[in-house]
N, C-alpha and C. Protein backbone atom coordinates (compact mmCIF):
# COMPACT_ATOMS: atom_id res chain seq x y z
N UNK A 1 -60.95 -142.32 -276.50
CA UNK A 1 -61.62 -143.29 -277.35
C UNK A 1 -62.68 -142.59 -278.19
N UNK A 2 -62.62 -142.84 -279.49
CA UNK A 2 -63.53 -142.12 -280.39
C UNK A 2 -63.87 -142.98 -281.60
N UNK A 3 -65.12 -142.82 -282.07
CA UNK A 3 -65.58 -143.50 -283.27
C UNK A 3 -66.07 -142.46 -284.26
N UNK A 4 -65.68 -142.60 -285.51
CA UNK A 4 -66.14 -141.73 -286.59
C UNK A 4 -67.33 -142.39 -287.27
N UNK A 5 -68.43 -141.65 -287.40
CA UNK A 5 -69.64 -142.13 -288.04
C UNK A 5 -69.86 -141.33 -289.31
N UNK A 6 -70.10 -142.00 -290.42
CA UNK A 6 -70.30 -141.31 -291.71
C UNK A 6 -71.71 -141.58 -292.20
N UNK A 7 -72.47 -140.51 -292.38
CA UNK A 7 -73.83 -140.61 -292.90
C UNK A 7 -73.81 -140.46 -294.41
N UNK A 8 -74.00 -141.55 -295.13
CA UNK A 8 -73.95 -141.53 -296.58
C UNK A 8 -75.26 -141.23 -297.25
N UNK A 9 -76.22 -140.72 -296.50
CA UNK A 9 -77.52 -140.35 -297.08
C UNK A 9 -77.52 -138.89 -297.48
N UNK A 10 -78.22 -138.54 -298.56
CA UNK A 10 -78.35 -137.12 -298.91
C UNK A 10 -79.23 -136.36 -297.93
N UNK A 11 -79.99 -137.09 -297.12
CA UNK A 11 -80.87 -136.46 -296.14
C UNK A 11 -80.16 -136.35 -294.79
N UNK A 12 -79.92 -135.13 -294.32
CA UNK A 12 -79.11 -134.98 -293.10
C UNK A 12 -79.79 -135.50 -291.84
N UNK A 13 -81.11 -135.60 -291.84
CA UNK A 13 -81.81 -136.05 -290.63
C UNK A 13 -82.79 -137.18 -290.95
N UNK A 14 -82.44 -138.02 -291.92
CA UNK A 14 -83.33 -139.09 -292.35
C UNK A 14 -83.13 -140.38 -291.58
N UNK A 15 -83.47 -141.48 -292.21
CA UNK A 15 -83.44 -142.78 -291.55
C UNK A 15 -82.02 -143.24 -291.19
N UNK A 16 -81.08 -143.02 -292.11
CA UNK A 16 -79.68 -143.42 -291.84
C UNK A 16 -79.13 -142.62 -290.67
N UNK A 17 -79.38 -141.32 -290.67
CA UNK A 17 -78.94 -140.47 -289.56
C UNK A 17 -79.55 -140.95 -288.25
N UNK A 18 -80.81 -141.34 -288.29
CA UNK A 18 -81.48 -141.82 -287.08
C UNK A 18 -80.76 -143.04 -286.53
N UNK A 19 -80.40 -143.98 -287.41
CA UNK A 19 -79.67 -145.16 -286.97
C UNK A 19 -78.31 -144.82 -286.39
N UNK A 20 -77.58 -143.93 -287.06
CA UNK A 20 -76.27 -143.51 -286.55
C UNK A 20 -76.40 -142.80 -285.21
N UNK A 21 -77.48 -142.05 -285.04
CA UNK A 21 -77.70 -141.35 -283.77
C UNK A 21 -77.94 -142.33 -282.63
N UNK A 22 -78.60 -143.44 -282.91
CA UNK A 22 -78.78 -144.48 -281.89
C UNK A 22 -77.43 -145.03 -281.47
N UNK A 23 -76.55 -145.27 -282.44
CA UNK A 23 -75.21 -145.77 -282.15
C UNK A 23 -74.43 -144.73 -281.34
N UNK A 24 -74.52 -143.48 -281.76
CA UNK A 24 -73.80 -142.40 -281.06
C UNK A 24 -74.26 -142.32 -279.59
N UNK A 25 -75.56 -142.39 -279.39
CA UNK A 25 -76.11 -142.33 -278.03
C UNK A 25 -75.64 -143.50 -277.18
N UNK A 26 -75.62 -144.69 -277.77
CA UNK A 26 -75.21 -145.88 -277.02
C UNK A 26 -73.71 -145.86 -276.74
N UNK A 27 -72.92 -145.38 -277.68
CA UNK A 27 -71.48 -145.25 -277.43
C UNK A 27 -71.21 -144.30 -276.27
N UNK A 28 -71.96 -143.20 -276.23
CA UNK A 28 -71.79 -142.23 -275.14
C UNK A 28 -72.08 -142.88 -273.79
N UNK A 29 -73.07 -143.75 -273.75
CA UNK A 29 -73.39 -144.45 -272.49
C UNK A 29 -72.23 -145.34 -272.06
N UNK A 30 -71.43 -145.78 -273.03
CA UNK A 30 -70.28 -146.63 -272.72
C UNK A 30 -68.99 -145.83 -272.57
N UNK A 31 -69.11 -144.50 -272.57
CA UNK A 31 -67.93 -143.65 -272.36
C UNK A 31 -67.07 -143.47 -273.59
N UNK A 32 -67.63 -143.68 -274.78
CA UNK A 32 -66.88 -143.54 -276.03
C UNK A 32 -67.43 -142.35 -276.81
N UNK A 33 -66.56 -141.42 -277.17
CA UNK A 33 -66.98 -140.27 -277.97
C UNK A 33 -67.21 -140.68 -279.42
N UNK A 34 -68.01 -139.90 -280.12
CA UNK A 34 -68.22 -140.16 -281.54
C UNK A 34 -68.64 -138.87 -282.23
N UNK A 35 -68.47 -138.85 -283.53
CA UNK A 35 -68.84 -137.69 -284.33
C UNK A 35 -69.44 -138.16 -285.64
N UNK A 36 -70.56 -137.54 -286.04
CA UNK A 36 -71.21 -137.89 -287.28
C UNK A 36 -70.79 -136.91 -288.38
N UNK A 37 -70.27 -137.43 -289.46
CA UNK A 37 -69.92 -136.63 -290.63
C UNK A 37 -71.00 -136.85 -291.70
N UNK A 38 -71.51 -135.75 -292.25
CA UNK A 38 -72.55 -135.83 -293.26
C UNK A 38 -71.94 -135.76 -294.65
N UNK A 39 -72.22 -136.77 -295.47
CA UNK A 39 -71.82 -136.70 -296.87
C UNK A 39 -72.67 -135.66 -297.59
N UNK A 40 -73.96 -135.62 -297.29
CA UNK A 40 -74.84 -134.57 -297.79
C UNK A 40 -75.33 -134.82 -299.21
N UNK A 41 -75.99 -133.80 -299.76
CA UNK A 41 -76.63 -133.91 -301.07
C UNK A 41 -75.77 -133.38 -302.20
N UNK A 42 -74.63 -132.80 -301.88
CA UNK A 42 -73.74 -132.30 -302.93
C UNK A 42 -73.15 -133.47 -303.71
N UNK A 43 -73.06 -133.38 -305.04
CA UNK A 43 -72.46 -134.47 -305.82
C UNK A 43 -71.04 -134.79 -305.35
N UNK A 44 -70.74 -136.08 -305.23
CA UNK A 44 -69.43 -136.54 -304.78
C UNK A 44 -68.71 -137.17 -305.96
N UNK A 45 -67.57 -136.64 -306.30
CA UNK A 45 -66.81 -137.20 -307.41
C UNK A 45 -66.19 -138.53 -306.98
N UNK A 46 -66.17 -139.47 -307.90
CA UNK A 46 -65.53 -140.74 -307.62
C UNK A 46 -64.02 -140.64 -307.80
N UNK A 47 -63.33 -141.71 -307.45
CA UNK A 47 -61.88 -141.74 -307.62
C UNK A 47 -61.56 -141.71 -309.11
N UNK A 48 -60.65 -140.82 -309.50
CA UNK A 48 -60.26 -140.69 -310.91
C UNK A 48 -58.95 -141.40 -311.21
N UNK A 49 -58.41 -142.12 -310.23
CA UNK A 49 -57.16 -142.88 -310.40
C UNK A 49 -55.99 -141.98 -310.78
N UNK A 50 -56.02 -140.74 -310.28
CA UNK A 50 -54.91 -139.82 -310.58
C UNK A 50 -53.67 -140.16 -309.76
N UNK A 51 -53.87 -140.86 -308.64
CA UNK A 51 -52.80 -141.33 -307.75
C UNK A 51 -52.02 -140.16 -307.13
N UNK A 52 -52.56 -138.96 -307.15
CA UNK A 52 -51.87 -137.83 -306.53
C UNK A 52 -51.85 -137.95 -305.00
N UNK A 53 -52.75 -138.76 -304.46
CA UNK A 53 -52.75 -138.95 -303.01
C UNK A 53 -51.45 -139.60 -302.54
N UNK A 54 -50.75 -140.29 -303.43
CA UNK A 54 -49.50 -140.94 -303.04
C UNK A 54 -48.41 -139.92 -302.72
N UNK A 55 -48.49 -138.75 -303.34
CA UNK A 55 -47.50 -137.71 -303.07
C UNK A 55 -48.06 -136.64 -302.13
N UNK A 56 -49.37 -136.37 -302.21
CA UNK A 56 -49.97 -135.35 -301.36
C UNK A 56 -50.24 -135.84 -299.94
N UNK A 57 -50.44 -137.13 -299.80
CA UNK A 57 -50.81 -137.68 -298.50
C UNK A 57 -52.29 -137.50 -298.20
N UNK A 58 -53.05 -137.08 -299.17
CA UNK A 58 -54.49 -136.91 -299.03
C UNK A 58 -55.10 -136.88 -300.43
N UNK A 59 -56.43 -136.93 -300.48
CA UNK A 59 -57.10 -136.89 -301.77
C UNK A 59 -56.96 -135.50 -302.39
N UNK A 60 -56.76 -135.46 -303.70
CA UNK A 60 -56.57 -134.18 -304.39
C UNK A 60 -57.85 -133.35 -304.38
N UNK A 61 -59.02 -134.01 -304.29
CA UNK A 61 -60.30 -133.30 -304.21
C UNK A 61 -60.58 -133.00 -302.74
N UNK A 62 -60.63 -131.73 -302.41
CA UNK A 62 -60.59 -131.34 -301.00
C UNK A 62 -61.82 -130.54 -300.57
N UNK A 63 -62.95 -130.76 -301.22
CA UNK A 63 -64.10 -129.92 -300.91
C UNK A 63 -65.35 -130.70 -300.51
N UNK A 64 -65.21 -131.98 -300.17
CA UNK A 64 -66.41 -132.75 -299.88
C UNK A 64 -66.33 -133.60 -298.62
N UNK A 65 -65.36 -133.37 -297.77
CA UNK A 65 -65.31 -134.05 -296.49
C UNK A 65 -64.47 -135.30 -296.42
N UNK A 66 -64.02 -135.83 -297.56
CA UNK A 66 -63.21 -137.04 -297.55
C UNK A 66 -61.95 -136.84 -296.69
N UNK A 67 -61.26 -135.75 -296.92
CA UNK A 67 -60.02 -135.51 -296.17
C UNK A 67 -60.28 -135.19 -294.70
N UNK A 68 -61.43 -134.59 -294.41
CA UNK A 68 -61.77 -134.33 -293.00
C UNK A 68 -61.98 -135.63 -292.24
N UNK A 69 -62.66 -136.58 -292.88
CA UNK A 69 -62.85 -137.88 -292.24
C UNK A 69 -61.51 -138.61 -292.11
N UNK A 70 -60.67 -138.51 -293.12
CA UNK A 70 -59.34 -139.13 -293.05
C UNK A 70 -58.54 -138.56 -291.88
N UNK A 71 -58.60 -137.26 -291.69
CA UNK A 71 -57.90 -136.62 -290.57
C UNK A 71 -58.46 -137.10 -289.24
N UNK A 72 -59.78 -137.23 -289.16
CA UNK A 72 -60.40 -137.69 -287.92
C UNK A 72 -59.99 -139.12 -287.60
N UNK A 73 -59.78 -139.93 -288.63
CA UNK A 73 -59.41 -141.32 -288.40
C UNK A 73 -58.00 -141.47 -287.86
N UNK A 74 -57.19 -140.44 -287.99
CA UNK A 74 -55.82 -140.51 -287.46
C UNK A 74 -55.82 -140.72 -285.95
N UNK A 75 -56.83 -140.20 -285.27
CA UNK A 75 -56.90 -140.33 -283.81
C UNK A 75 -58.11 -141.13 -283.35
N UNK A 76 -58.88 -141.67 -284.28
CA UNK A 76 -60.06 -142.44 -283.91
C UNK A 76 -59.71 -143.91 -283.71
N UNK A 77 -60.63 -144.62 -283.06
CA UNK A 77 -60.44 -146.05 -282.79
C UNK A 77 -61.37 -146.92 -283.63
N UNK A 78 -62.37 -146.29 -284.24
CA UNK A 78 -63.33 -147.06 -285.01
C UNK A 78 -64.02 -146.21 -286.05
N UNK A 79 -64.62 -146.88 -287.02
CA UNK A 79 -65.31 -146.20 -288.12
C UNK A 79 -66.60 -146.95 -288.43
N UNK A 80 -67.70 -146.19 -288.56
CA UNK A 80 -68.98 -146.76 -288.95
C UNK A 80 -69.45 -146.04 -290.21
N UNK A 81 -69.71 -146.81 -291.26
CA UNK A 81 -70.29 -146.26 -292.49
C UNK A 81 -71.78 -146.54 -292.48
N UNK A 82 -72.59 -145.50 -292.71
CA UNK A 82 -74.03 -145.67 -292.76
C UNK A 82 -74.56 -145.24 -294.11
N UNK A 83 -75.49 -146.05 -294.66
CA UNK A 83 -76.01 -145.73 -295.99
C UNK A 83 -77.46 -146.16 -296.13
N UNK A 84 -78.24 -145.38 -296.88
CA UNK A 84 -79.52 -145.90 -297.33
C UNK A 84 -79.28 -146.95 -298.41
N UNK A 85 -80.28 -147.77 -298.66
CA UNK A 85 -80.17 -148.78 -299.70
C UNK A 85 -80.74 -148.22 -301.00
N UNK A 86 -79.90 -148.15 -302.04
CA UNK A 86 -80.32 -147.71 -303.36
C UNK A 86 -80.08 -148.86 -304.33
N UNK A 87 -81.15 -149.44 -304.88
CA UNK A 87 -81.03 -150.55 -305.83
C UNK A 87 -80.16 -151.68 -305.25
N UNK A 88 -80.45 -152.04 -304.02
CA UNK A 88 -79.76 -153.14 -303.33
C UNK A 88 -78.28 -152.88 -303.12
N UNK A 89 -77.88 -151.63 -303.11
CA UNK A 89 -76.49 -151.27 -302.86
C UNK A 89 -76.41 -150.01 -302.02
N UNK A 90 -75.20 -149.66 -301.62
CA UNK A 90 -74.99 -148.41 -300.90
C UNK A 90 -75.24 -147.23 -301.83
N UNK A 91 -75.50 -146.07 -301.27
CA UNK A 91 -75.74 -144.88 -302.08
C UNK A 91 -74.53 -144.58 -302.96
N UNK A 92 -74.79 -144.02 -304.13
CA UNK A 92 -73.69 -143.66 -305.03
C UNK A 92 -72.74 -142.67 -304.40
N UNK A 93 -73.29 -141.74 -303.62
CA UNK A 93 -72.46 -140.73 -302.97
C UNK A 93 -71.50 -141.37 -301.97
N UNK A 94 -72.02 -142.28 -301.14
CA UNK A 94 -71.15 -142.92 -300.15
C UNK A 94 -70.14 -143.84 -300.82
N UNK A 95 -70.54 -144.50 -301.89
CA UNK A 95 -69.61 -145.36 -302.60
C UNK A 95 -68.43 -144.56 -303.14
N UNK A 96 -68.72 -143.42 -303.78
CA UNK A 96 -67.63 -142.56 -304.28
C UNK A 96 -66.80 -142.02 -303.13
N UNK A 97 -67.46 -141.62 -302.04
CA UNK A 97 -66.79 -141.09 -300.86
C UNK A 97 -65.85 -142.14 -300.27
N UNK A 98 -66.37 -143.35 -300.07
CA UNK A 98 -65.56 -144.40 -299.44
C UNK A 98 -64.44 -144.88 -300.35
N UNK A 99 -64.69 -144.95 -301.67
CA UNK A 99 -63.62 -145.33 -302.59
C UNK A 99 -62.42 -144.41 -302.42
N UNK A 100 -62.66 -143.12 -302.39
CA UNK A 100 -61.56 -142.16 -302.27
C UNK A 100 -60.98 -142.14 -300.87
N UNK A 101 -61.81 -142.28 -299.86
CA UNK A 101 -61.33 -142.27 -298.47
C UNK A 101 -60.36 -143.42 -298.23
N UNK A 102 -60.78 -144.63 -298.56
CA UNK A 102 -59.96 -145.80 -298.25
C UNK A 102 -58.73 -145.88 -299.15
N UNK A 103 -58.83 -145.38 -300.37
CA UNK A 103 -57.69 -145.44 -301.27
C UNK A 103 -56.64 -144.39 -300.93
N UNK A 104 -57.07 -143.21 -300.53
CA UNK A 104 -56.14 -142.09 -300.38
C UNK A 104 -55.51 -141.97 -299.01
N UNK A 105 -56.17 -142.44 -297.98
CA UNK A 105 -55.67 -142.14 -296.63
C UNK A 105 -54.53 -143.07 -296.22
N UNK A 106 -53.78 -142.62 -295.24
CA UNK A 106 -52.67 -143.39 -294.70
C UNK A 106 -53.21 -144.69 -294.10
N UNK A 107 -52.76 -145.83 -294.60
CA UNK A 107 -53.32 -147.11 -294.20
C UNK A 107 -53.07 -147.43 -292.73
N UNK A 108 -52.09 -146.80 -292.12
CA UNK A 108 -51.85 -147.06 -290.70
C UNK A 108 -52.98 -146.48 -289.85
N UNK A 109 -53.75 -145.55 -290.40
CA UNK A 109 -54.88 -144.99 -289.67
C UNK A 109 -56.15 -145.83 -289.81
N UNK A 110 -56.02 -146.95 -290.51
CA UNK A 110 -57.12 -147.90 -290.64
C UNK A 110 -56.76 -149.25 -290.04
N UNK A 111 -55.53 -149.66 -290.19
CA UNK A 111 -55.11 -151.01 -289.84
C UNK A 111 -55.41 -151.36 -288.38
N UNK A 112 -56.18 -152.42 -288.19
CA UNK A 112 -56.55 -152.99 -286.91
C UNK A 112 -57.37 -152.04 -286.03
N UNK A 113 -57.94 -151.02 -286.66
CA UNK A 113 -58.99 -150.25 -286.00
C UNK A 113 -60.32 -150.91 -286.35
N UNK A 114 -61.35 -150.66 -285.58
CA UNK A 114 -62.59 -151.42 -285.70
C UNK A 114 -63.54 -150.76 -286.68
N UNK A 115 -64.19 -151.58 -287.50
CA UNK A 115 -65.09 -151.08 -288.52
C UNK A 115 -66.46 -151.75 -288.45
N UNK A 116 -67.46 -151.00 -288.89
CA UNK A 116 -68.82 -151.54 -288.98
C UNK A 116 -69.60 -150.71 -289.97
N UNK A 117 -70.64 -151.30 -290.53
CA UNK A 117 -71.53 -150.56 -291.41
C UNK A 117 -72.96 -150.80 -290.99
N UNK A 118 -73.81 -149.82 -291.29
CA UNK A 118 -75.25 -149.99 -291.08
C UNK A 118 -75.96 -149.54 -292.35
N UNK A 119 -77.08 -150.17 -292.64
CA UNK A 119 -77.85 -149.80 -293.82
C UNK A 119 -79.31 -149.59 -293.42
N UNK A 120 -79.93 -148.68 -294.14
CA UNK A 120 -81.32 -148.31 -293.87
C UNK A 120 -82.13 -148.53 -295.14
N UNK A 121 -83.25 -149.23 -295.02
CA UNK A 121 -84.07 -149.43 -296.21
C UNK A 121 -85.55 -149.51 -295.84
N UNK A 122 -86.36 -149.23 -296.84
CA UNK A 122 -87.80 -149.33 -296.65
C UNK A 122 -88.21 -150.79 -296.54
N UNK A 123 -87.61 -151.64 -297.42
CA UNK A 123 -88.07 -153.03 -297.46
C UNK A 123 -86.94 -154.02 -297.76
N UNK A 124 -86.35 -153.98 -298.98
CA UNK A 124 -85.41 -155.02 -299.36
C UNK A 124 -84.08 -154.46 -299.83
N UNK A 125 -83.13 -155.38 -300.05
CA UNK A 125 -81.81 -155.01 -300.55
C UNK A 125 -80.78 -154.72 -299.49
N UNK A 126 -81.17 -154.85 -298.23
CA UNK A 126 -80.27 -154.43 -297.14
C UNK A 126 -79.01 -155.28 -297.05
N UNK A 127 -79.14 -156.61 -297.16
CA UNK A 127 -77.97 -157.45 -296.94
C UNK A 127 -76.94 -157.28 -298.06
N UNK A 128 -77.40 -156.99 -299.28
CA UNK A 128 -76.45 -156.77 -300.38
C UNK A 128 -75.65 -155.49 -300.15
N UNK A 129 -76.34 -154.44 -299.71
CA UNK A 129 -75.65 -153.18 -299.42
C UNK A 129 -74.71 -153.34 -298.23
N UNK A 130 -75.14 -154.08 -297.23
CA UNK A 130 -74.33 -154.34 -296.04
C UNK A 130 -73.05 -155.07 -296.42
N UNK A 131 -73.17 -156.07 -297.27
CA UNK A 131 -72.01 -156.82 -297.74
C UNK A 131 -71.05 -155.93 -298.52
N UNK A 132 -71.58 -155.07 -299.35
CA UNK A 132 -70.74 -154.15 -300.14
C UNK A 132 -69.89 -153.27 -299.23
N UNK A 133 -70.51 -152.68 -298.23
CA UNK A 133 -69.78 -151.75 -297.35
C UNK A 133 -68.73 -152.46 -296.50
N UNK A 134 -69.03 -153.67 -296.08
CA UNK A 134 -68.08 -154.38 -295.22
C UNK A 134 -66.78 -154.71 -295.93
N UNK A 135 -66.80 -154.76 -297.25
CA UNK A 135 -65.57 -155.07 -297.98
C UNK A 135 -64.52 -153.97 -297.85
N UNK A 136 -64.94 -152.74 -297.61
CA UNK A 136 -63.96 -151.67 -297.38
C UNK A 136 -63.11 -151.98 -296.15
N UNK A 137 -63.72 -152.55 -295.13
CA UNK A 137 -62.99 -152.84 -293.89
C UNK A 137 -62.09 -154.06 -294.04
N UNK A 138 -62.61 -155.11 -294.66
CA UNK A 138 -61.83 -156.34 -294.70
C UNK A 138 -60.59 -156.23 -295.58
N UNK A 139 -60.61 -155.34 -296.57
CA UNK A 139 -59.41 -155.14 -297.40
C UNK A 139 -58.42 -154.20 -296.72
N UNK A 140 -58.86 -153.55 -295.63
CA UNK A 140 -58.02 -152.56 -294.95
C UNK A 140 -57.52 -153.05 -293.60
N UNK A 141 -57.62 -154.35 -293.35
CA UNK A 141 -57.17 -154.96 -292.09
C UNK A 141 -57.91 -154.41 -290.88
N UNK A 142 -59.19 -154.08 -291.07
CA UNK A 142 -60.01 -153.57 -289.98
C UNK A 142 -60.95 -154.67 -289.50
N UNK A 143 -60.84 -155.09 -288.24
CA UNK A 143 -61.76 -156.11 -287.72
C UNK A 143 -63.20 -155.61 -287.74
N UNK A 144 -64.10 -156.45 -288.22
CA UNK A 144 -65.52 -156.10 -288.25
C UNK A 144 -66.14 -156.33 -286.88
N UNK A 145 -66.91 -155.36 -286.43
CA UNK A 145 -67.61 -155.48 -285.16
C UNK A 145 -68.97 -156.14 -285.40
N UNK A 146 -69.29 -157.20 -284.66
CA UNK A 146 -70.55 -157.90 -284.88
C UNK A 146 -71.68 -157.35 -284.02
N UNK A 147 -72.88 -157.72 -284.39
CA UNK A 147 -74.04 -157.49 -283.55
C UNK A 147 -74.80 -158.80 -283.45
N UNK A 148 -76.08 -158.76 -283.03
CA UNK A 148 -76.85 -159.99 -282.92
C UNK A 148 -77.71 -160.24 -284.16
N UNK A 149 -77.52 -159.41 -285.19
CA UNK A 149 -78.18 -159.59 -286.48
C UNK A 149 -77.42 -158.71 -287.47
N UNK A 150 -77.76 -158.81 -288.75
CA UNK A 150 -77.14 -157.90 -289.71
C UNK A 150 -77.59 -156.48 -289.41
N UNK A 151 -76.67 -155.54 -289.60
CA UNK A 151 -76.90 -154.16 -289.14
C UNK A 151 -77.80 -153.40 -290.11
N UNK A 152 -79.09 -153.64 -289.99
CA UNK A 152 -80.06 -152.98 -290.87
C UNK A 152 -81.24 -152.47 -290.06
N UNK A 153 -81.74 -151.33 -290.50
CA UNK A 153 -82.95 -150.77 -289.91
C UNK A 153 -83.95 -150.53 -291.03
N UNK A 154 -85.22 -150.64 -290.68
CA UNK A 154 -86.26 -150.56 -291.69
C UNK A 154 -87.24 -149.44 -291.38
N UNK A 155 -87.62 -148.72 -292.42
CA UNK A 155 -88.60 -147.66 -292.28
C UNK A 155 -88.48 -146.67 -293.42
N UNK A 156 -89.59 -146.06 -293.75
CA UNK A 156 -89.59 -145.05 -294.82
C UNK A 156 -89.33 -143.65 -294.26
N UNK A 157 -89.50 -143.49 -292.96
CA UNK A 157 -89.28 -142.22 -292.28
C UNK A 157 -88.55 -142.49 -290.96
N UNK A 158 -87.93 -141.48 -290.38
CA UNK A 158 -87.30 -141.67 -289.07
C UNK A 158 -88.28 -142.17 -288.02
N UNK A 159 -89.53 -141.72 -288.13
CA UNK A 159 -90.54 -142.16 -287.16
C UNK A 159 -90.78 -143.67 -287.28
N UNK A 160 -90.80 -144.17 -288.53
CA UNK A 160 -90.97 -145.60 -288.72
C UNK A 160 -89.75 -146.37 -288.25
N UNK A 161 -88.57 -145.82 -288.46
CA UNK A 161 -87.34 -146.46 -287.98
C UNK A 161 -87.41 -146.68 -286.47
N UNK A 162 -87.92 -145.69 -285.76
CA UNK A 162 -87.98 -145.78 -284.30
C UNK A 162 -88.98 -146.83 -283.83
N UNK A 163 -89.76 -147.39 -284.74
CA UNK A 163 -90.68 -148.48 -284.41
C UNK A 163 -90.09 -149.85 -284.72
N UNK A 164 -88.94 -149.86 -285.37
CA UNK A 164 -88.27 -151.13 -285.71
C UNK A 164 -87.47 -151.58 -284.49
N UNK A 165 -88.13 -152.26 -283.57
CA UNK A 165 -87.51 -152.60 -282.30
C UNK A 165 -86.30 -153.51 -282.45
N UNK A 166 -86.41 -154.49 -283.35
CA UNK A 166 -85.27 -155.39 -283.54
C UNK A 166 -84.10 -154.66 -284.18
N UNK A 167 -84.38 -153.80 -285.16
CA UNK A 167 -83.33 -153.03 -285.79
C UNK A 167 -82.62 -152.12 -284.80
N UNK A 168 -83.38 -151.46 -283.95
CA UNK A 168 -82.78 -150.56 -282.96
C UNK A 168 -81.93 -151.34 -281.97
N UNK A 169 -82.41 -152.52 -281.57
CA UNK A 169 -81.61 -153.34 -280.67
C UNK A 169 -80.31 -153.77 -281.34
N UNK A 170 -80.39 -154.12 -282.62
CA UNK A 170 -79.19 -154.51 -283.36
C UNK A 170 -78.14 -153.42 -283.31
N UNK A 171 -78.56 -152.16 -283.46
CA UNK A 171 -77.62 -151.04 -283.44
C UNK A 171 -77.08 -150.79 -282.05
N UNK A 172 -77.91 -150.97 -281.03
CA UNK A 172 -77.41 -150.80 -279.65
C UNK A 172 -76.37 -151.85 -279.32
N UNK A 173 -76.65 -153.10 -279.70
CA UNK A 173 -75.69 -154.18 -279.45
C UNK A 173 -74.39 -153.91 -280.21
N UNK A 174 -74.52 -153.44 -281.44
CA UNK A 174 -73.34 -153.08 -282.23
C UNK A 174 -72.49 -152.04 -281.50
N UNK A 175 -73.14 -150.99 -281.01
CA UNK A 175 -72.42 -149.93 -280.31
C UNK A 175 -71.75 -150.46 -279.04
N UNK A 176 -72.46 -151.29 -278.30
CA UNK A 176 -71.88 -151.86 -277.08
C UNK A 176 -70.67 -152.72 -277.41
N UNK A 177 -70.77 -153.52 -278.46
CA UNK A 177 -69.65 -154.38 -278.85
C UNK A 177 -68.46 -153.56 -279.34
N UNK A 178 -68.76 -152.48 -280.09
CA UNK A 178 -67.69 -151.58 -280.55
C UNK A 178 -66.96 -150.98 -279.37
N UNK A 179 -67.72 -150.48 -278.39
CA UNK A 179 -67.11 -149.87 -277.21
C UNK A 179 -66.26 -150.89 -276.45
N UNK A 180 -66.78 -152.10 -276.30
CA UNK A 180 -66.05 -153.14 -275.58
C UNK A 180 -64.72 -153.46 -276.26
N UNK A 181 -64.75 -153.65 -277.56
CA UNK A 181 -63.54 -154.00 -278.28
C UNK A 181 -62.51 -152.87 -278.25
N UNK A 182 -62.98 -151.64 -278.37
CA UNK A 182 -62.07 -150.49 -278.30
C UNK A 182 -61.40 -150.43 -276.92
N UNK A 183 -62.18 -150.68 -275.88
CA UNK A 183 -61.62 -150.64 -274.52
C UNK A 183 -60.63 -151.78 -274.32
N UNK A 184 -60.95 -152.94 -274.85
CA UNK A 184 -60.02 -154.07 -274.74
C UNK A 184 -58.70 -153.76 -275.43
N UNK A 185 -58.79 -153.17 -276.63
CA UNK A 185 -57.58 -152.84 -277.37
C UNK A 185 -56.76 -151.79 -276.64
N UNK A 186 -57.45 -150.83 -276.00
CA UNK A 186 -56.76 -149.75 -275.29
C UNK A 186 -56.00 -150.27 -274.07
N UNK A 187 -56.51 -151.33 -273.46
CA UNK A 187 -55.89 -151.87 -272.26
C UNK A 187 -54.85 -152.95 -272.55
N UNK A 188 -54.78 -153.35 -273.80
CA UNK A 188 -53.87 -154.45 -274.15
C UNK A 188 -52.44 -153.96 -274.30
N UNK A 189 -51.52 -154.78 -273.83
CA UNK A 189 -50.09 -154.49 -274.00
C UNK A 189 -49.49 -155.30 -275.15
N UNK A 190 -50.35 -155.98 -275.89
CA UNK A 190 -49.88 -156.81 -277.00
C UNK A 190 -49.54 -155.90 -278.18
N UNK A 191 -48.33 -155.96 -278.68
CA UNK A 191 -47.97 -155.10 -279.83
C UNK A 191 -48.68 -155.56 -281.09
N UNK A 192 -48.85 -154.63 -282.01
CA UNK A 192 -49.44 -154.99 -283.29
C UNK A 192 -48.53 -155.97 -284.02
N UNK A 193 -49.09 -156.88 -284.78
CA UNK A 193 -48.25 -157.82 -285.53
C UNK A 193 -47.40 -157.08 -286.54
N UNK A 194 -46.22 -157.62 -286.78
CA UNK A 194 -45.35 -157.01 -287.78
C UNK A 194 -46.03 -157.08 -289.15
N UNK A 195 -45.99 -155.98 -289.87
CA UNK A 195 -46.67 -155.94 -291.15
C UNK A 195 -45.71 -156.27 -292.28
N UNK A 196 -46.10 -157.21 -293.11
CA UNK A 196 -45.30 -157.55 -294.27
C UNK A 196 -45.50 -156.52 -295.38
N UNK A 197 -44.46 -156.26 -296.18
CA UNK A 197 -44.65 -155.40 -297.35
C UNK A 197 -45.71 -156.00 -298.27
N UNK A 198 -46.57 -155.17 -298.81
CA UNK A 198 -47.66 -155.63 -299.65
C UNK A 198 -47.13 -156.23 -300.95
N UNK A 199 -47.60 -157.43 -301.27
CA UNK A 199 -47.27 -158.08 -302.53
C UNK A 199 -48.45 -157.91 -303.48
N UNK A 200 -48.20 -157.40 -304.65
CA UNK A 200 -49.25 -157.20 -305.65
C UNK A 200 -48.91 -158.00 -306.90
N UNK A 201 -49.80 -158.89 -307.28
CA UNK A 201 -49.59 -159.69 -308.47
C UNK A 201 -50.75 -159.49 -309.44
N UNK A 202 -50.49 -159.70 -310.71
CA UNK A 202 -51.52 -159.61 -311.74
C UNK A 202 -51.83 -161.00 -312.26
N UNK A 203 -53.07 -161.20 -312.68
CA UNK A 203 -53.45 -162.48 -313.24
C UNK A 203 -52.91 -162.67 -314.65
N UNK A 204 -52.72 -161.57 -315.37
CA UNK A 204 -52.21 -161.62 -316.73
C UNK A 204 -50.79 -161.06 -316.71
N UNK A 205 -49.85 -161.81 -317.22
CA UNK A 205 -48.44 -161.38 -317.16
C UNK A 205 -47.88 -161.19 -318.57
């Protein structure tokens, strides 16, 4: 059992990393392995709609970790996207990263695996960024893992984040629920539902 955690902050040890580390620690207590992937401060190219991933089986841009996370998801049971809040949205780097990740990777490595997002902010904009990130999961047939509040932590520094008691509890509950659902799925003998071929229609014909 394993969960992939993606840190979409340019700061490798900042507030978002602190939140993901809380989740990682709590998952370990529940016997679930996890790994944090850093998006980092290097510029991340967005999807160019080249569609080469359809023939390559991976994103054509291979130098920023997108394909490494895609490979990790082949054997993972869950995915957590973490981002700081920039102008009431997820970071531009994580947005470009996630656009290419979800578009290029084999959809069977996402379907009915568990997803969650966390956002870190000094003050406001958290719920808008949280909503943005959750859409990656719902379009990919990934059940969202709930907590006892929206998955946000507050603070300008990691030290301040560690004082956000409600935020930290929210992340611990999230991790516990993720571990529980993964274990339930692992013990279930219920086969996955038959998947229908995707129907794509346009509004203008």
